[in-house]
Structures are given as structure tokens and as C-alpha cells.
């Protein structure tokens, strides 16, 4: 029977993913470094468990020897992605994660050919903003002929989990990047652009998102710029280790995520679409678990893939209460047309 391992299962998002997987009846193995925590959660969920560090290739290979799919939920991913990707190739295990760190996607690009030769799939960003934005971008790109330019923004609302905050702080880059003529190039970090998330223009800041890799990988659109709008206390200050493990269910319910995209075709036609979904910390474990279910069921191809590229641009809309809407704007107002 195909088996799923969730590594980092005792973290904030990993635990929710493990709960969803157990409830769905997966043949489930929980993995991590802390034996006490991992075994306690495994007993609670009725799952198998294995504990191992990522600095010992033999231990990783032994742990993955009979695993069909590994879902990596252990950040910072700059420390965990490479050893697990390389071990996945050696053990012929399909690799999924929930990373939002650019370096992990560069690793997937770098190891793509080796993974293809091994018959192994890499699906980083199987949940979270990469799945959201990839589906939104792909949907809008289908509305124009020969898409050439894409501008996309994520609205991050509510608070950040302790693990995400620490991971983000350790992965801050001074480089603000864009995709220009197919190449990653520096851009002005002070650039701003208005996006309509469905309630009128909102000013968004230039930022470097992994979608500069994933959207280009899936669509080959040569010019891509990524932006973010933050509301609430999404990027906390001070002692990050003192933060709560993550937002409560009530906080997640109160803070939905949104995204907006503008795609321009070669003939100058412009398509604008928006995505409205549940809080990112609700969406991510649901989407990652659904992605794992599909891969376990045989939906996989060797090499590096994106959720939208593998499952289609409607994938995000299969997760919880997620909707993509097309916007048709005139000089004075925006008119919404549901798709």
C-alpha cells in the first residue's frame, strides 16, 4: 500500500497536515527529530513513526526505504529540503513540501534532471501560497494569447506562526528580484503597484517570492513581477522564539487570504483575476494533504513540477472555500464576474 511520511509532523502546520492525513485514512508514518514528541503524536493519531536527523544520509535512507511520498513540513527549509530531496532520489521517494523559500525551488531546478533519471518527482510548495498563486496565474494566463507580462500580488492577513517567522527571518534576502526575459534580475525594492483584490485598488510592495520560479516553470511567461500586501501583524517584530506556536482557529477564520494577478498578452490584451481563500495556515495543510493523496494515487511525473502545472489551474479551487474571479475594469469602476 502506498505510504505517506510527514516529516516535521509535530510542528504547527505539520500537525494539522498529519491530522488531515490520519482522518483520511492514509497509510501514514510520522517523522521528525524529537522521539518523545513524534511518538506521542503517532499514538494519538494511530500512525507509525520514525525519528531521525538530517545530517546522516544512511539514517535518512533507512527511514525512507519503504516510503512512497514524503511531505516535508520541517522548516527552515534551507536546512531540510536538500538532504530530503537528495535522499528521495536515492530511495525513489516522491518529495513534497510546503516551503515558501526561494532557495528550495532553486534546488529543485538544480536536481530536476537527476530526479527525472531516477523516476522521482519534486513538488515543492504543494500547499500554501505557491499553490494559490500558481493556479491564479495559470488561470489568468489562459485568458490571453501568448502571455508576455505577469504581475501578481499576495495579500497576507493575520498573524504568522512561530516557525514561519523564524524561517522567514533566517531566509531574508537583500535581493529584490524579478523575472525579465526569462532571467532572474535585480529590481528596485521600493517599487509599488496597485492591485484590486476585489474591493478597489490597494498599494502593494515589491518582494521576492518563489513564484518567480514556479510560475515561470509552469507557464514560461518571460516577464514576472511579484508583490505583497500585509495587513495585521503578519510579520512580527521582537523575540520570535517567544511567539505563540501559530494563530488560533478563530484568528484563522477572521483573516482570509487574497491574491490578484494581471497578465498581458503579446497583442496588449490584459486579463485580471483575483483569488479569495481561507487563511494560509488553514489552506496549506489541506492543500498539501490533497496533493499527497493525488500523488499516492498515481498523479505524478518525474522531475520538478508545480501544483498548478501537475494538477491543473483549478487545483486551488478544490481546497476549502477558494474562489477565482475574473475582473473586468473600465475607467471608473471594476465589475466582478465569477468563473
Foldseek 3Di string as FASTA:
>chain_A
DAEEEEEPCLAPLNVVLLQVLLVVPGQYEYEYADVVSRVVSCVVSVHHYDYDDLVDLVSLLVVCQRHAEYEYEDDPCVPVLVSNVVSCLVNVHAYEYQDWAQVSLVVLVVCFVSQQVSFYEYAYNLWFDLLVVLLLLVVQVVVAAAWAAKEKEKEAEFAFFLRVLVSCVVRDDPFQWWQAQNDTDGDDQADWDWFCLPPDTDIWTWHDTNCNRANCVQPVRRTYTYTYHYDDCHRPDDDSVPDHRGDDPVRQQVIWMKMKMWIAHPVGDIWIKMKTGTHRSQGGSQSNSVVVVVVSVPQDGTGYHYNCNRVNSCSSVVTHNMFMWTWDDDPPDIDIDGD
